Amino acid sequence: MPTLLVWGERDLILPAAHLAYARTRLPHARSHLFRDTGHMPQIERTAEVEALLRELWA
């Protein structure tokens, strides 16, 4: 199943270090760490997340 992990570099709830762990658990997933972004990249970086999803689904 295609999987996309998106994370914010400035996430105070789930720090970016959690992305590294998630990558070990889902080694075939695509991932993206957004700079200057907090806990909700899907809201803070809507257009960029949409582009990543469209690429994943293509």
Protein backbone atom coordinates (compact mmCIF):
# COMPACT_ATOMS: atom_id res chain seq x y z
CA MET A 1 0.00 0.00 0.00
CA PRO A 2 1.50 3.38 -0.95
CA THR A 3 2.30 5.36 2.18
CA LEU A 4 3.39 8.97 2.62
CA LEU A 5 4.81 10.25 5.90
CA VAL A 6 4.78 14.03 6.28
CA TRP A 7 6.28 15.78 9.27
CA GLY A 8 6.97 19.27 10.46
CA GLU A 9 10.48 20.17 11.49
CA ARG A 10 9.09 22.31 14.33
CA ASP A 11 6.48 19.84 15.55
CA LEU A 12 6.33 20.23 19.33
CA ILE A 13 3.84 17.38 19.84
CA LEU A 14 5.65 14.67 17.85
CA PRO A 15 9.21 15.92 17.30
CA ALA A 16 10.90 15.32 13.97
CA ALA A 17 12.97 12.52 15.53
CA HIS A 18 9.79 10.45 15.40
CA LEU A 19 9.96 10.58 11.61
CA ALA A 20 13.28 8.72 11.70
CA TYR A 21 11.65 6.01 13.79
CA ALA A 22 8.62 5.87 11.48
CA ARG A 23 10.95 5.40 8.53
CA THR A 24 12.47 2.32 10.20
CA ARG A 25 9.01 0.83 10.74
CA LEU A 26 7.78 1.69 7.23
CA PRO A 27 10.92 1.36 5.10
CA HIS A 28 9.05 1.46 1.78
CA ALA A 29 7.07 4.59 2.60
CA ARG A 30 7.86 7.92 1.05
CA SER A 31 8.53 10.68 3.53
CA HIS A 32 8.96 14.42 3.62
CA LEU A 33 10.11 16.71 6.42
CA PHE A 34 8.79 20.26 6.04
CA ARG A 35 11.07 23.03 7.26
CA ASP A 36 9.56 25.77 9.45
CA THR A 37 6.39 23.70 9.93
CA GLY A 38 4.68 22.53 13.08
CA HIS A 39 2.38 19.64 13.92
CA MET A 40 -0.07 20.03 11.01
CA PRO A 41 1.73 20.16 7.67
CA GLN A 42 -1.49 19.23 5.88
CA ILE A 43 -2.91 22.59 7.04
CA GLU A 44 0.27 24.68 7.20
CA ARG A 45 1.58 23.52 3.80
CA THR A 46 -1.59 22.47 2.01
CA ALA A 47 -0.36 22.99 -1.55
CA GLU A 48 2.92 21.19 -0.94
CA VAL A 49 1.20 18.22 0.74
CA GLU A 50 -1.27 18.07 -2.13
CA ALA A 51 1.59 17.96 -4.64
CA LEU A 52 3.28 15.14 -2.72
CA LEU A 53 0.01 13.18 -2.61
CA ARG A 54 -0.65 13.66 -6.31
CA GLU A 55 2.87 12.41 -7.03
CA LEU A 56 2.31 9.40 -4.77
CA TRP A 57 -0.99 8.54 -6.43
CA ALA A 58 0.28 9.03 -10.01
